[in-house]
Amino acid sequence: MKEQIKTIIISLVLLAVVVGVLVWFGNSGNKPEPVAIGGLFGGVLTAKETAFDFGSVPINGGLVDHEFMLENLSDKAVKIGEVSTSCMCTSAKVIIGNKTYGPFGMPGHLGASKADAIVNPGEKVIVKVTFDPAAHGPTGIGMIERQIFLNIGAAEPLVLNFKANVTP
């Protein structure tokens, strides 16, 4: 009886290890799946990435930019309404074709707050994010995380994230 219990326990442990290894290898190297968020007009915006890491950014190195690519892969339009950022050190522009909306910033601090842009089926959107590592002065050294919020009429806004390590 004790031998059977020992064999069962060893088998379960081995099974758990094999499953863990398979899950780990199955997830390593995979790119994140696109995120799709629907809006009031019935269309859906798909983002291939919703997070970006600038890595180390020198405080006096000037502004850094990143472009998030979105696309309306649905058969209905999407309306991008309010656009905002989580901090005054960050601004964003919405670019659809040859039309640019913004810059947008932290509510109450920078320019317009509404893009009121229509993204037709098949159209691509660039959200160009600009981060100023010097905006917080010498106390702004270290890891930061910021967000850009796009209201597309869904229950929750589409949120784009970035992080950076601000160095002296």
Protein backbone atom coordinates (compact mmCIF):
# COMPACT_ATOMS: atom_id res chain seq x y z
CA MET A 1 0.00 0.00 0.00
CA LYS A 2 2.77 2.47 0.95
CA GLU A 3 4.60 1.59 -2.27
CA GLN A 4 1.52 2.43 -4.37
CA ILE A 5 1.08 5.81 -2.64
CA LYS A 6 4.77 6.57 -3.18
CA THR A 7 4.47 5.67 -6.89
CA ILE A 8 1.35 7.85 -7.26
CA ILE A 9 3.04 10.84 -5.58
CA ILE A 10 6.16 10.50 -7.74
CA SER A 11 4.00 10.23 -10.87
CA LEU A 12 2.03 13.36 -9.93
CA VAL A 13 5.19 15.35 -9.24
CA LEU A 14 6.70 14.29 -12.57
CA LEU A 15 3.47 15.16 -14.37
CA ALA A 16 3.44 18.62 -12.74
CA VAL A 17 7.07 19.21 -13.77
CA VAL A 18 6.38 18.14 -17.37
CA VAL A 19 3.29 20.37 -17.60
CA GLY A 20 5.24 23.29 -16.12
CA VAL A 21 8.07 22.85 -18.64
CA LEU A 22 5.60 22.62 -21.54
CA VAL A 23 3.80 25.79 -20.43
CA TRP A 24 7.10 27.63 -20.00
CA PHE A 25 8.42 26.59 -23.43
CA GLY A 26 5.02 27.26 -25.01
CA ASN A 27 5.04 30.86 -23.76
CA SER A 28 8.71 31.73 -24.29
CA GLY A 29 9.35 33.76 -27.41
CA ASN A 30 5.67 34.38 -28.11
CA LYS A 31 4.74 37.92 -29.00
CA PRO A 32 1.74 39.35 -27.19
CA GLU A 33 -1.56 38.76 -28.90
CA PRO A 34 -3.19 41.82 -30.46
CA VAL A 35 -5.69 43.58 -28.23
CA ALA A 36 -9.05 44.48 -29.77
CA ILE A 37 -11.41 47.00 -28.18
CA GLY A 38 -14.80 47.93 -29.61
CA GLY A 39 -16.41 51.35 -29.58
CA LEU A 40 -19.80 53.07 -29.88
CA PHE A 41 -19.80 53.11 -33.66
CA GLY A 42 -19.57 49.32 -33.57
CA GLY A 43 -16.04 49.12 -34.95
CA VAL A 44 -13.05 47.62 -33.22
CA LEU A 45 -9.51 48.99 -32.90
CA THR A 46 -6.77 46.39 -32.72
CA ALA A 47 -3.39 47.19 -31.15
CA LYS A 48 -0.43 44.94 -31.86
CA GLU A 49 1.26 46.31 -28.74
CA THR A 50 -0.11 48.22 -25.78
CA ALA A 51 3.15 48.53 -23.83
CA PHE A 52 6.62 49.81 -24.70
CA ASP A 53 9.89 50.06 -22.78
CA PHE A 54 12.20 52.94 -23.70
CA GLY A 55 14.94 51.37 -21.57
CA SER A 56 17.45 53.83 -20.09
CA VAL A 57 16.84 57.45 -21.05
CA PRO A 58 19.24 60.22 -19.93
CA ILE A 59 17.47 63.08 -18.17
CA ASN A 60 19.22 65.64 -20.41
CA GLY A 61 19.02 63.57 -23.59
CA GLY A 62 15.99 65.36 -24.99
CA LEU A 63 12.53 64.12 -25.91
CA VAL A 64 11.95 60.48 -26.88
CA ASP A 65 9.11 59.21 -29.08
CA HIS A 66 7.35 55.93 -29.74
CA GLU A 67 4.59 55.14 -32.23
CA PHE A 68 1.86 52.69 -31.25
CA MET A 69 0.13 51.19 -34.30
CA LEU A 70 -3.62 50.59 -34.20
CA GLU A 71 -5.91 49.34 -36.95
CA ASN A 72 -9.64 49.09 -37.53
CA LEU A 73 -9.94 45.50 -38.74
CA SER A 74 -13.73 45.50 -38.36
CA ASP A 75 -16.41 46.44 -40.87
CA LYS A 76 -17.67 49.47 -38.87
CA ALA A 77 -16.16 52.84 -37.98
CA VAL A 78 -14.59 53.72 -34.63
CA LYS A 79 -14.72 57.21 -33.14
CA ILE A 80 -11.76 58.31 -31.04
CA GLY A 81 -13.10 60.91 -28.62
CA GLU A 82 -11.12 62.15 -25.65
CA VAL A 83 -7.39 61.46 -25.56
CA SER A 84 -5.30 62.10 -22.45
CA THR A 85 -2.07 61.15 -20.72
CA SER A 86 -1.30 60.28 -17.11
CA CYS A 87 1.36 62.97 -16.62
CA MET A 88 2.45 66.39 -17.89
CA CYS A 89 5.76 64.85 -19.02
CA THR A 90 3.89 62.92 -21.72
CA SER A 91 2.04 64.07 -24.82
CA ALA A 92 0.35 62.15 -27.61
CA LYS A 93 -0.79 62.79 -31.16
CA VAL A 94 -3.28 60.70 -33.11
CA ILE A 95 -2.44 60.34 -36.80
CA ILE A 96 -4.93 58.91 -39.31
CA GLY A 97 -3.75 59.08 -42.91
CA ASN A 98 -2.45 62.60 -43.48
CA LYS A 99 -4.47 64.15 -40.62
CA THR A 100 -2.93 64.76 -37.17
CA TYR A 101 -4.98 65.37 -34.02
CA GLY A 102 -3.46 66.85 -30.88
CA PRO A 103 -1.12 67.14 -29.10
CA PHE A 104 -2.97 65.75 -26.11
CA GLY A 105 -1.69 65.75 -22.55
CA MET A 106 -2.72 65.41 -18.95
CA PRO A 107 -6.30 66.67 -18.46
CA GLY A 108 -6.32 70.43 -17.90
CA HIS A 109 -2.65 70.93 -18.83
CA LEU A 110 -2.04 70.65 -22.60
CA GLY A 111 -4.03 71.59 -25.66
CA ALA A 112 -7.13 69.86 -26.90
CA SER A 113 -8.76 66.98 -25.09
CA LYS A 114 -10.93 65.55 -27.87
CA ALA A 115 -9.77 64.19 -31.17
CA ASP A 116 -13.28 63.46 -32.47
CA ALA A 117 -11.55 61.39 -35.15
CA ILE A 118 -13.31 58.72 -37.18
CA VAL A 119 -11.36 55.57 -38.03
CA ASN A 120 -13.01 53.87 -40.97
CA PRO A 121 -12.84 50.13 -41.60
CA GLY A 122 -9.37 49.13 -42.77
CA GLU A 123 -7.72 52.38 -41.64
CA LYS A 124 -4.58 52.46 -39.54
CA VAL A 125 -3.95 54.83 -36.64
CA ILE A 126 -0.62 55.94 -35.26
CA VAL A 127 -0.55 57.16 -31.68
CA LYS A 128 2.73 59.06 -31.42
CA VAL A 129 3.79 59.36 -27.80
CA THR A 130 6.43 61.86 -26.68
CA PHE A 131 8.10 61.65 -23.27
CA ASP A 132 10.20 64.46 -21.76
CA PRO A 133 12.63 62.87 -19.26
CA ALA A 134 13.61 66.32 -17.91
CA ALA A 135 10.05 67.38 -17.08
CA HIS A 136 10.33 66.45 -13.40
CA GLY A 137 13.83 67.82 -12.89
CA PRO A 138 16.48 66.02 -10.83
CA THR A 139 13.86 64.34 -8.65
CA GLY A 140 12.55 62.51 -11.73
CA ILE A 141 15.46 60.03 -11.83
CA GLY A 142 14.56 56.33 -11.81
CA MET A 143 11.85 54.07 -13.23
CA ILE A 144 8.68 55.71 -14.53
CA GLU A 145 5.51 54.29 -16.00
CA ARG A 146 3.00 56.38 -17.94
CA GLN A 147 -0.27 55.80 -19.77
CA ILE A 148 -2.15 57.24 -22.73
CA PHE A 149 -5.94 56.90 -22.66
CA LEU A 150 -8.09 56.83 -25.80
CA ASN A 151 -11.84 57.00 -25.33
CA ILE A 152 -13.43 55.05 -28.17
CA GLY A 153 -16.87 54.70 -26.63
CA ALA A 154 -16.20 51.33 -25.00
CA ALA A 155 -16.86 50.68 -21.32
CA GLU A 156 -13.15 51.24 -20.65
CA PRO A 157 -10.69 53.41 -22.60
CA LEU A 158 -7.98 51.88 -24.74
CA VAL A 159 -4.83 52.27 -22.59
CA LEU A 160 -1.32 52.40 -24.04
CA ASN A 161 1.57 52.11 -21.58
CA PHE A 162 5.25 52.89 -21.60
CA LYS A 163 8.06 52.82 -19.10
CA ALA A 164 11.57 54.20 -18.95
CA ASN A 165 14.50 54.34 -16.58
CA VAL A 166 15.48 58.02 -16.36
CA THR A 167 19.22 58.27 -15.68
CA PRO A 168 21.37 61.24 -14.58
